[in-house]
Amino acid sequence: EPALKPAAALSKTGRIGVIGTRGTLTSEKFSRLLASLAGQAEFIV
């Protein structure tokens, strides 16, 4: 899965870019992962 959790722990500005295929980034699994990190960082997908 895209490494959002490690990225959130490492980011200093709180803004994180995420690049991937459309199939990955529009999947339910990715949506749940993104929702689980709400408030921890801003993700630009």
All heavy atoms as atom14 arrays in JSON, in Angstrom:
{
  "sequence": "EPALKPAAALSKTGRIGVIGTRGTLTSEKFSRLLASLAGQAEFIV",
  "atom14_mask": [
    [1, 1, 1, 1, 1, 1, 1, 1, 1, 0, 0, 0, 0, 0],
    [1, 1, 1, 1, 1, 1, 1, 0, 0, 0, 0, 0, 0, 0],
    [1, 1, 1, 1, 1, 0, 0, 0, 0, 0, 0, 0, 0, 0],
    [1, 1, 1, 1, 1, 1, 1, 1, 0, 0, 0, 0, 0, 0],
    [1, 1, 1, 1, 1, 1, 1, 1, 1, 0, 0, 0, 0, 0],
    [1, 1, 1, 1, 1, 1, 1, 0, 0, 0, 0, 0, 0, 0],
    [1, 1, 1, 1, 1, 0, 0, 0, 0, 0, 0, 0, 0, 0],
    [1, 1, 1, 1, 1, 0, 0, 0, 0, 0, 0, 0, 0, 0],
    [1, 1, 1, 1, 1, 0, 0, 0, 0, 0, 0, 0, 0, 0],
    [1, 1, 1, 1, 1, 1, 1, 1, 0, 0, 0, 0, 0, 0],
    [1, 1, 1, 1, 1, 1, 0, 0, 0, 0, 0, 0, 0, 0],
    [1, 1, 1, 1, 1, 1, 1, 1, 1, 0, 0, 0, 0, 0],
    [1, 1, 1, 1, 1, 1, 1, 0, 0, 0, 0, 0, 0, 0],
    [1, 1, 1, 1, 0, 0, 0, 0, 0, 0, 0, 0, 0, 0],
    [1, 1, 1, 1, 1, 1, 1, 1, 1, 1, 1, 0, 0, 0],
    [1, 1, 1, 1, 1, 1, 1, 1, 0, 0, 0, 0, 0, 0],
    [1, 1, 1, 1, 0, 0, 0, 0, 0, 0, 0, 0, 0, 0],
    [1, 1, 1, 1, 1, 1, 1, 0, 0, 0, 0, 0, 0, 0],
    [1, 1, 1, 1, 1, 1, 1, 1, 0, 0, 0, 0, 0, 0],
    [1, 1, 1, 1, 0, 0, 0, 0, 0, 0, 0, 0, 0, 0],
    [1, 1, 1, 1, 1, 1, 1, 0, 0, 0, 0, 0, 0, 0],
    [1, 1, 1, 1, 1, 1, 1, 1, 1, 1, 1, 0, 0, 0],
    [1, 1, 1, 1, 0, 0, 0, 0, 0, 0, 0, 0, 0, 0],
    [1, 1, 1, 1, 1, 1, 1, 0, 0, 0, 0, 0, 0, 0],
    [1, 1, 1, 1, 1, 1, 1, 1, 0, 0, 0, 0, 0, 0],
    [1, 1, 1, 1, 1, 1, 1, 0, 0, 0, 0, 0, 0, 0],
    [1, 1, 1, 1, 1, 1, 0, 0, 0, 0, 0, 0, 0, 0],
    [1, 1, 1, 1, 1, 1, 1, 1, 1, 0, 0, 0, 0, 0],
    [1, 1, 1, 1, 1, 1, 1, 1, 1, 0, 0, 0, 0, 0],
    [1, 1, 1, 1, 1, 1, 1, 1, 1, 1, 1, 0, 0, 0],
    [1, 1, 1, 1, 1, 1, 0, 0, 0, 0, 0, 0, 0, 0],
    [1, 1, 1, 1, 1, 1, 1, 1, 1, 1, 1, 0, 0, 0],
    [1, 1, 1, 1, 1, 1, 1, 1, 0, 0, 0, 0, 0, 0],
    [1, 1, 1, 1, 1, 1, 1, 1, 0, 0, 0, 0, 0, 0],
    [1, 1, 1, 1, 1, 0, 0, 0, 0, 0, 0, 0, 0, 0],
    [1, 1, 1, 1, 1, 1, 0, 0, 0, 0, 0, 0, 0, 0],
    [1, 1, 1, 1, 1, 1, 1, 1, 0, 0, 0, 0, 0, 0],
    [1, 1, 1, 1, 1, 0, 0, 0, 0, 0, 0, 0, 0, 0],
    [1, 1, 1, 1, 0, 0, 0, 0, 0, 0, 0, 0, 0, 0],
    [1, 1, 1, 1, 1, 1, 1, 1, 1, 0, 0, 0, 0, 0],
    [1, 1, 1, 1, 1, 0, 0, 0, 0, 0, 0, 0, 0, 0],
    [1, 1, 1, 1, 1, 1, 1, 1, 1, 0, 0, 0, 0, 0],
    [1, 1, 1, 1, 1, 1, 1, 1, 1, 1, 1, 0, 0, 0],
    [1, 1, 1, 1, 1, 1, 1, 1, 0, 0, 0, 0, 0, 0],
    [1, 1, 1, 1, 1, 1, 1, 0, 0, 0, 0, 0, 0, 0]
  ],
  "atom14_positions": [
    [[0.86, -1.16, 0.0], [0.0, 0.0, 0.0], [0.9, 1.22, 0.0], [2.04, 1.16, 0.49], [-0.94, 0.02, 1.22], [-0.25, 0.21, 2.55], [-1.22, 0.25, 3.72], [-2.36, -0.23, 3.57], [-0.83, 0.78, 4.78], [0.0, 0.0, 0.0], [0.0, 0.0, 0.0], [0.0, 0.0, 0.0], [0.0, 0.0, 0.0], [0.0, 0.0, 0.0]],
    [[0.45, 2.33, -0.59], [1.28, 3.54, -0.58], [1.67, 3.91, 0.86], [0.85, 3.83, 1.77], [0.36, 4.59, -1.2], [-0.54, 3.8, -2.1], [-0.8, 2.52, -1.36], [0.0, 0.0, 0.0], [0.0, 0.0, 0.0], [0.0, 0.0, 0.0], [0.0, 0.0, 0.0], [0.0, 0.0, 0.0], [0.0, 0.0, 0.0], [0.0, 0.0, 0.0]],
    [[2.91, 4.32, 1.04], [3.48, 4.49, 2.38], [3.08, 5.82, 3.01], [3.93, 6.65, 3.37], [5.0, 4.36, 2.31], [0.0, 0.0, 0.0], [0.0, 0.0, 0.0], [0.0, 0.0, 0.0], [0.0, 0.0, 0.0], [0.0, 0.0, 0.0], [0.0, 0.0, 0.0], [0.0, 0.0, 0.0], [0.0, 0.0, 0.0], [0.0, 0.0, 0.0]],
    [[1.75, 6.0, 3.2], [1.26, 7.26, 3.76], [1.63, 7.41, 5.23], [1.96, 8.52, 5.67], [-0.26, 7.34, 3.59], [-0.79, 7.98, 2.3], [-0.25, 7.25, 1.08], [-2.32, 8.0, 2.29], [0.0, 0.0, 0.0], [0.0, 0.0, 0.0], [0.0, 0.0, 0.0], [0.0, 0.0, 0.0], [0.0, 0.0, 0.0], [0.0, 0.0, 0.0]],
    [[1.56, 6.33, 5.99], [1.85, 6.43, 7.43], [3.29, 6.84, 7.68], [3.54, 7.78, 8.47], [1.51, 5.11, 8.12], [0.02, 4.77, 8.1], [-0.24, 3.4, 8.71], [-1.71, 3.01, 8.58], [-1.97, 1.64, 9.11], [0.0, 0.0, 0.0], [0.0, 0.0, 0.0], [0.0, 0.0, 0.0], [0.0, 0.0, 0.0], [0.0, 0.0, 0.0]],
    [[4.27, 6.17, 7.06], [5.65, 6.63, 7.25], [5.86, 8.07, 6.78], [6.6, 8.83, 7.41], [6.48, 5.66, 6.41], [5.64, 4.44, 6.3], [4.22, 4.93, 6.27], [0.0, 0.0, 0.0], [0.0, 0.0, 0.0], [0.0, 0.0, 0.0], [0.0, 0.0, 0.0], [0.0, 0.0, 0.0], [0.0, 0.0, 0.0], [0.0, 0.0, 0.0]],
    [[5.2, 8.45, 5.69], [5.35, 9.81, 5.18], [4.81, 10.83, 6.18], [5.43, 11.88, 6.41], [4.63, 9.95, 3.84], [0.0, 0.0, 0.0], [0.0, 0.0, 0.0], [0.0, 0.0, 0.0], [0.0, 0.0, 0.0], [0.0, 0.0, 0.0], [0.0, 0.0, 0.0], [0.0, 0.0, 0.0], [0.0, 0.0, 0.0], [0.0, 0.0, 0.0]],
    [[3.66, 10.53, 6.78], [3.08, 11.45, 7.77], [4.0, 11.61, 8.97], [4.1, 12.7, 9.55], [1.71, 10.94, 8.2], [0.0, 0.0, 0.0], [0.0, 0.0, 0.0], [0.0, 0.0, 0.0], [0.0, 0.0, 0.0], [0.0, 0.0, 0.0], [0.0, 0.0, 0.0], [0.0, 0.0, 0.0], [0.0, 0.0, 0.0], [0.0, 0.0, 0.0]],
    [[4.68, 10.54, 9.34], [5.59, 10.61, 10.49], [6.85, 11.42, 10.16], [7.44, 12.03, 11.06], [5.98, 9.2, 10.92], [0.0, 0.0, 0.0], [0.0, 0.0, 0.0], [0.0, 0.0, 0.0], [0.0, 0.0, 0.0], [0.0, 0.0, 0.0], [0.0, 0.0, 0.0], [0.0, 0.0, 0.0], [0.0, 0.0, 0.0], [0.0, 0.0, 0.0]],
    [[7.24, 11.45, 8.9], [8.49, 12.11, 8.52], [8.31, 13.56, 8.08], [9.25, 14.36, 8.2], [9.15, 11.32, 7.38], [9.71, 9.95, 7.74], [10.09, 9.18, 6.48], [10.92, 10.08, 8.66], [0.0, 0.0, 0.0], [0.0, 0.0, 0.0], [0.0, 0.0, 0.0], [0.0, 0.0, 0.0], [0.0, 0.0, 0.0], [0.0, 0.0, 0.0]],
    [[7.15, 13.91, 7.57], [6.95, 15.24, 7.01], [7.05, 16.33, 8.07], [6.49, 16.2, 9.17], [5.59, 15.32, 6.31], [5.34, 16.63, 5.84], [0.0, 0.0, 0.0], [0.0, 0.0, 0.0], [0.0, 0.0, 0.0], [0.0, 0.0, 0.0], [0.0, 0.0, 0.0], [0.0, 0.0, 0.0], [0.0, 0.0, 0.0], [0.0, 0.0, 0.0]],
    [[7.74, 17.4, 7.74], [7.85, 18.56, 8.63], [6.83, 19.63, 8.29], [6.35, 20.35, 9.16], [9.26, 19.16, 8.54], [10.39, 18.18, 8.88], [10.27, 17.65, 10.3], [11.46, 16.74, 10.62], [11.32, 16.1, 11.96], [0.0, 0.0, 0.0], [0.0, 0.0, 0.0], [0.0, 0.0, 0.0], [0.0, 0.0, 0.0], [0.0, 0.0, 0.0]],
    [[6.49, 19.77, 7.0], [5.53, 20.79, 6.6], [4.09, 20.32, 6.7], [3.16, 21.12, 6.66], [5.79, 21.24, 5.15], [5.5, 20.15, 4.25], [7.23, 21.69, 4.96], [0.0, 0.0, 0.0], [0.0, 0.0, 0.0], [0.0, 0.0, 0.0], [0.0, 0.0, 0.0], [0.0, 0.0, 0.0], [0.0, 0.0, 0.0], [0.0, 0.0, 0.0]],
    [[3.9, 18.99, 6.81], [2.54, 18.45, 6.88], [1.84, 18.37, 5.54], [0.65, 18.09, 5.47], [0.0, 0.0, 0.0], [0.0, 0.0, 0.0], [0.0, 0.0, 0.0], [0.0, 0.0, 0.0], [0.0, 0.0, 0.0], [0.0, 0.0, 0.0], [0.0, 0.0, 0.0], [0.0, 0.0, 0.0], [0.0, 0.0, 0.0], [0.0, 0.0, 0.0]],
    [[2.58, 18.6, 4.45], [2.01, 18.47, 3.1], [2.78, 17.39, 2.36], [4.0, 17.46, 2.2], [2.08, 19.8, 2.32], [1.34, 20.94, 3.01], [1.11, 22.11, 2.04], [-0.02, 21.86, 1.17], [-0.01, 22.07, -0.15], [1.09, 22.45, -0.75], [-1.1, 21.85, -0.88], [0.0, 0.0, 0.0], [0.0, 0.0, 0.0], [0.0, 0.0, 0.0]],
    [[2.04, 16.38, 1.91], [2.64, 15.18, 1.34], [2.02, 14.9, -0.02], [0.8, 14.86, -0.17], [2.4, 13.97, 2.27], [3.09, 14.2, 3.63], [2.87, 12.67, 1.63], [2.64, 13.25, 4.7], [0.0, 0.0, 0.0], [0.0, 0.0, 0.0], [0.0, 0.0, 0.0], [0.0, 0.0, 0.0], [0.0, 0.0, 0.0], [0.0, 0.0, 0.0]],
    [[2.86, 14.7, -1.01], [2.4, 14.32, -2.33], [2.33, 12.81, -2.46], [3.17, 12.1, -1.91], [0.0, 0.0, 0.0], [0.0, 0.0, 0.0], [0.0, 0.0, 0.0], [0.0, 0.0, 0.0], [0.0, 0.0, 0.0], [0.0, 0.0, 0.0], [0.0, 0.0, 0.0], [0.0, 0.0, 0.0], [0.0, 0.0, 0.0], [0.0, 0.0, 0.0]],
    [[1.32, 12.33, -3.17], [1.16, 10.89, -3.41], [0.91, 10.7, -4.89], [-0.05, 11.23, -5.44], [-0.01, 10.3, -2.61], [-0.06, 8.78, -2.78], [0.06, 10.69, -1.14], [0.0, 0.0, 0.0], [0.0, 0.0, 0.0], [0.0, 0.0, 0.0], [0.0, 0.0, 0.0], [0.0, 0.0, 0.0], [0.0, 0.0, 0.0], [0.0, 0.0, 0.0]],
    [[1.79, 9.94, -5.55], [1.58, 9.61, -6.96], [1.37, 8.1, -7.09], [1.96, 7.31, -6.37], [2.74, 10.07, -7.86], [4.08, 9.51, -7.37], [2.79, 11.6, -7.92], [5.25, 9.86, -8.29], [0.0, 0.0, 0.0], [0.0, 0.0, 0.0], [0.0, 0.0, 0.0], [0.0, 0.0, 0.0], [0.0, 0.0, 0.0], [0.0, 0.0, 0.0]],
    [[0.47, 7.73, -8.0], [0.17, 6.32, -8.19], [-0.71, 6.15, -9.41], [-1.05, 7.13, -10.1], [0.0, 0.0, 0.0], [0.0, 0.0, 0.0], [0.0, 0.0, 0.0], [0.0, 0.0, 0.0], [0.0, 0.0, 0.0], [0.0, 0.0, 0.0], [0.0, 0.0, 0.0], [0.0, 0.0, 0.0], [0.0, 0.0, 0.0], [0.0, 0.0, 0.0]],
    [[-1.08, 4.92, -9.69], [-2.0, 4.68, -10.8], [-3.42, 5.05, -10.35], [-3.73, 5.09, -9.16], [-1.99, 3.21, -11.23], [-2.52, 2.4, -10.17], [-0.59, 2.75, -11.58], [0.0, 0.0, 0.0], [0.0, 0.0, 0.0], [0.0, 0.0, 0.0], [0.0, 0.0, 0.0], [0.0, 0.0, 0.0], [0.0, 0.0, 0.0], [0.0, 0.0, 0.0]],
    [[-4.26, 5.3, -11.31], [-5.65, 5.66, -10.99], [-6.34, 4.5, -10.26], [-7.14, 4.72, -9.35], [-6.4, 6.02, -12.28], [-7.76, 6.65, -12.04], [-8.31, 7.24, -13.33], [-7.49, 8.35, -13.81], [-7.61, 9.61, -13.39], [-8.52, 9.92, -12.49], [-6.83, 10.54, -13.88], [0.0, 0.0, 0.0], [0.0, 0.0, 0.0], [0.0, 0.0, 0.0]],
    [[-6.02, 3.25, -10.66], [-6.63, 2.09, -10.0], [-6.31, 2.03, -8.52], [-7.17, 1.69, -7.7], [0.0, 0.0, 0.0], [0.0, 0.0, 0.0], [0.0, 0.0, 0.0], [0.0, 0.0, 0.0], [0.0, 0.0, 0.0], [0.0, 0.0, 0.0], [0.0, 0.0, 0.0], [0.0, 0.0, 0.0], [0.0, 0.0, 0.0], [0.0, 0.0, 0.0]],
    [[-5.08, 2.36, -8.16], [-4.69, 2.37, -6.75], [-5.33, 3.51, -6.0], [-5.91, 3.33, -4.92], [-3.16, 2.46, -6.62], [-2.56, 1.28, -7.16], [-2.74, 2.61, -5.16], [0.0, 0.0, 0.0], [0.0, 0.0, 0.0], [0.0, 0.0, 0.0], [0.0, 0.0, 0.0], [0.0, 0.0, 0.0], [0.0, 0.0, 0.0], [0.0, 0.0, 0.0]],
    [[-5.25, 4.71, -6.57], [-5.65, 5.91, -5.84], [-7.15, 6.11, -5.77], [-7.63, 6.93, -4.98], [-4.98, 7.14, -6.46], [-3.44, 7.11, -6.46], [-2.89, 8.41, -7.03], [-2.88, 6.86, -5.07], [0.0, 0.0, 0.0], [0.0, 0.0, 0.0], [0.0, 0.0, 0.0], [0.0, 0.0, 0.0], [0.0, 0.0, 0.0], [0.0, 0.0, 0.0]],
    [[-7.92, 5.37, -6.57], [-9.39, 5.45, -6.48], [-9.98, 4.22, -5.81], [-11.2, 4.07, -5.76], [-10.01, 5.61, -7.88], [-9.64, 4.5, -8.71], [-9.54, 6.9, -8.54], [0.0, 0.0, 0.0], [0.0, 0.0, 0.0], [0.0, 0.0, 0.0], [0.0, 0.0, 0.0], [0.0, 0.0, 0.0], [0.0, 0.0, 0.0], [0.0, 0.0, 0.0]],
    [[-9.12, 3.34, -5.27], [-9.62, 2.11, -4.65], [-10.2, 2.39, -3.26], [-9.86, 3.37, -2.59], [-8.48, 1.09, -4.51], [-7.51, 1.54, -3.57], [0.0, 0.0, 0.0], [0.0, 0.0, 0.0], [0.0, 0.0, 0.0], [0.0, 0.0, 0.0], [0.0, 0.0, 0.0], [0.0, 0.0, 0.0], [0.0, 0.0, 0.0], [0.0, 0.0, 0.0]],
    [[-11.08, 1.5, -2.83], [-11.65, 1.62, -1.48], [-10.57, 1.48, -0.41], [-10.6, 2.15, 0.62], [-12.73, 0.56, -1.27], [-14.0, 0.79, -2.08], [-15.07, -0.24, -1.74], [-14.93, -0.92, -0.7], [-16.04, -0.34, -2.51], [0.0, 0.0, 0.0], [0.0, 0.0, 0.0], [0.0, 0.0, 0.0], [0.0, 0.0, 0.0], [0.0, 0.0, 0.0]],
    [[-9.61, 0.59, -0.66], [-8.54, 0.39, 0.3], [-7.74, 1.67, 0.51], [-7.42, 2.04, 1.65], [-7.62, -0.74, -0.16], [-6.53, -1.09, 0.84], [-5.67, -2.26, 0.37], [-4.59, -2.58, 1.39], [-3.7, -3.67, 0.92], [0.0, 0.0, 0.0], [0.0, 0.0, 0.0], [0.0, 0.0, 0.0], [0.0, 0.0, 0.0], [0.0, 0.0, 0.0]],
    [[-7.42, 2.38, -0.57], [-6.68, 3.63, -0.44], [-7.53, 4.69, 0.26], [-7.02, 5.45, 1.09], [-6.23, 4.13, -1.81], [-5.43, 5.41, -1.73], [-4.09, 5.38, -1.37], [-6.02, 6.63, -2.02], [-3.35, 6.55, -1.28], [-5.29, 7.81, -1.94], [-3.95, 7.76, -1.57], [0.0, 0.0, 0.0], [0.0, 0.0, 0.0], [0.0, 0.0, 0.0]],
    [[-8.81, 4.73, -0.06], [-9.7, 5.69, 0.59], [-9.74, 5.48, 2.1], [-9.72, 6.43, 2.89], [-11.11, 5.6, 0.02], [-11.12, 5.97, -1.34], [0.0, 0.0, 0.0], [0.0, 0.0, 0.0], [0.0, 0.0, 0.0], [0.0, 0.0, 0.0], [0.0, 0.0, 0.0], [0.0, 0.0, 0.0], [0.0, 0.0, 0.0], [0.0, 0.0, 0.0]],
    [[-9.78, 4.21, 2.52], [-9.77, 3.91, 3.95], [-8.44, 4.31, 4.59], [-8.41, 4.85, 5.71], [-10.04, 2.43, 4.19], [-11.46, 1.99, 3.86], [-11.77, 0.6, 4.42], [-10.89, -0.42, 3.87], [-11.17, -1.11, 2.76], [-12.3, -0.89, 2.1], [-10.34, -2.03, 2.32], [0.0, 0.0, 0.0], [0.0, 0.0, 0.0], [0.0, 0.0, 0.0]],
    [[-7.34, 4.06, 3.88], [-6.04, 4.44, 4.4], [-5.95, 5.95, 4.56], [-5.48, 6.46, 5.59], [-4.94, 3.94, 3.46], [-3.5, 4.34, 3.78], [-3.08, 3.78, 5.13], [-2.56, 3.86, 2.68], [0.0, 0.0, 0.0], [0.0, 0.0, 0.0], [0.0, 0.0, 0.0], [0.0, 0.0, 0.0], [0.0, 0.0, 0.0], [0.0, 0.0, 0.0]],
    [[-6.41, 6.67, 3.57], [-6.39, 8.14, 3.62], [-7.25, 8.65, 4.77], [-6.84, 9.54, 5.53], [-6.9, 8.68, 2.28], [-6.49, 10.09, 1.86], [-4.98, 10.22, 1.78], [-7.12, 10.42, 0.51], [0.0, 0.0, 0.0], [0.0, 0.0, 0.0], [0.0, 0.0, 0.0], [0.0, 0.0, 0.0], [0.0, 0.0, 0.0], [0.0, 0.0, 0.0]],
    [[-8.44, 8.06, 4.93], [-9.34, 8.49, 6.01], [-8.75, 8.22, 7.39], [-8.96, 8.99, 8.33], [-10.69, 7.79, 5.86], [0.0, 0.0, 0.0], [0.0, 0.0, 0.0], [0.0, 0.0, 0.0], [0.0, 0.0, 0.0], [0.0, 0.0, 0.0], [0.0, 0.0, 0.0], [0.0, 0.0, 0.0], [0.0, 0.0, 0.0], [0.0, 0.0, 0.0]],
    [[-7.98, 7.14, 7.5], [-7.39, 6.79, 8.8], [-6.34, 7.79, 9.25], [-5.98, 7.84, 10.43], [-6.76, 5.39, 8.73], [-5.56, 5.39, 7.99], [0.0, 0.0, 0.0], [0.0, 0.0, 0.0], [0.0, 0.0, 0.0], [0.0, 0.0, 0.0], [0.0, 0.0, 0.0], [0.0, 0.0, 0.0], [0.0, 0.0, 0.0], [0.0, 0.0, 0.0]],
    [[-5.85, 8.6, 8.32], [-4.81, 9.59, 8.65], [-5.34, 11.01, 8.63], [-4.56, 11.97, 8.63], [-3.65, 9.44, 7.65], [-2.92, 8.09, 7.7], [-1.99, 7.94, 6.52], [-2.16, 7.94, 9.01], [0.0, 0.0, 0.0], [0.0, 0.0, 0.0], [0.0, 0.0, 0.0], [0.0, 0.0, 0.0], [0.0, 0.0, 0.0], [0.0, 0.0, 0.0]],
    [[-6.65, 11.16, 8.63], [-7.26, 12.49, 8.61], [-6.75, 13.31, 9.8], [-6.72, 12.85, 10.93], [-8.78, 12.38, 8.66], [0.0, 0.0, 0.0], [0.0, 0.0, 0.0], [0.0, 0.0, 0.0], [0.0, 0.0, 0.0], [0.0, 0.0, 0.0], [0.0, 0.0, 0.0], [0.0, 0.0, 0.0], [0.0, 0.0, 0.0], [0.0, 0.0, 0.0]],
    [[-6.32, 14.52, 9.5], [-5.83, 15.42, 10.55], [-4.35, 15.29, 10.83], [-3.77, 16.18, 11.49], [0.0, 0.0, 0.0], [0.0, 0.0, 0.0], [0.0, 0.0, 0.0], [0.0, 0.0, 0.0], [0.0, 0.0, 0.0], [0.0, 0.0, 0.0], [0.0, 0.0, 0.0], [0.0, 0.0, 0.0], [0.0, 0.0, 0.0], [0.0, 0.0, 0.0]],
    [[-3.72, 14.23, 10.33], [-2.28, 14.06, 10.59], [-1.42, 14.77, 9.56], [-0.26, 15.13, 9.85], [-1.93, 12.57, 10.62], [-2.6, 11.82, 11.75], [-2.09, 10.39, 11.87], [-0.93, 10.11, 11.58], [-2.96, 9.48, 12.28], [0.0, 0.0, 0.0], [0.0, 0.0, 0.0], [0.0, 0.0, 0.0], [0.0, 0.0, 0.0], [0.0, 0.0, 0.0]],
    [[-1.95, 14.95, 8.36], [-1.22, 15.63, 7.29], [-2.2, 15.94, 6.17], [-3.31, 15.41, 6.13], [-0.07, 14.77, 6.77], [0.0, 0.0, 0.0], [0.0, 0.0, 0.0], [0.0, 0.0, 0.0], [0.0, 0.0, 0.0], [0.0, 0.0, 0.0], [0.0, 0.0, 0.0], [0.0, 0.0, 0.0], [0.0, 0.0, 0.0], [0.0, 0.0, 0.0]],
    [[-1.77, 16.8, 5.26], [-2.54, 17.06, 4.04], [-1.9, 16.27, 2.91], [-0.7, 16.41, 2.65], [-2.53, 18.55, 3.71], [-3.3, 18.89, 2.44], [-3.18, 20.35, 2.05], [-2.51, 21.11, 2.77], [-3.75, 20.72, 1.0], [0.0, 0.0, 0.0], [0.0, 0.0, 0.0], [0.0, 0.0, 0.0], [0.0, 0.0, 0.0], [0.0, 0.0, 0.0]],
    [[-2.7, 15.45, 2.24], [-2.18, 14.61, 1.17], [-2.67, 15.14, -0.18], [-3.87, 15.28, -0.4], [-2.64, 13.16, 1.35], [-2.05, 12.51, 2.58], [-2.75, 12.5, 3.78], [-0.79, 11.94, 2.54], [-2.22, 11.91, 4.91], [-0.25, 11.34, 3.66], [-0.96, 11.33, 4.86], [0.0, 0.0, 0.0], [0.0, 0.0, 0.0], [0.0, 0.0, 0.0]],
    [[-1.73, 15.45, -1.05], [-2.05, 15.89, -2.41], [-1.89, 14.67, -3.31], [-0.77, 14.19, -3.55], [-1.12, 17.04, -2.85], [-1.36, 18.27, -1.98], [-1.35, 17.38, -4.31], [-0.58, 18.31, -0.7], [0.0, 0.0, 0.0], [0.0, 0.0, 0.0], [0.0, 0.0, 0.0], [0.0, 0.0, 0.0], [0.0, 0.0, 0.0], [0.0, 0.0, 0.0]],
    [[-3.01, 14.15, -3.77], [-3.05, 12.86, -4.47], [-3.12, 13.09, -5.98], [-4.01, 13.8, -6.46], [-4.25, 12.02, -3.99], [-4.33, 10.72, -4.75], [-4.14, 11.76, -2.48], [0.0, 0.0, 0.0], [0.0, 0.0, 0.0], [0.0, 0.0, 0.0], [0.0, 0.0, 0.0], [0.0, 0.0, 0.0], [0.0, 0.0, 0.0], [0.0, 0.0, 0.0]]
  ]
}
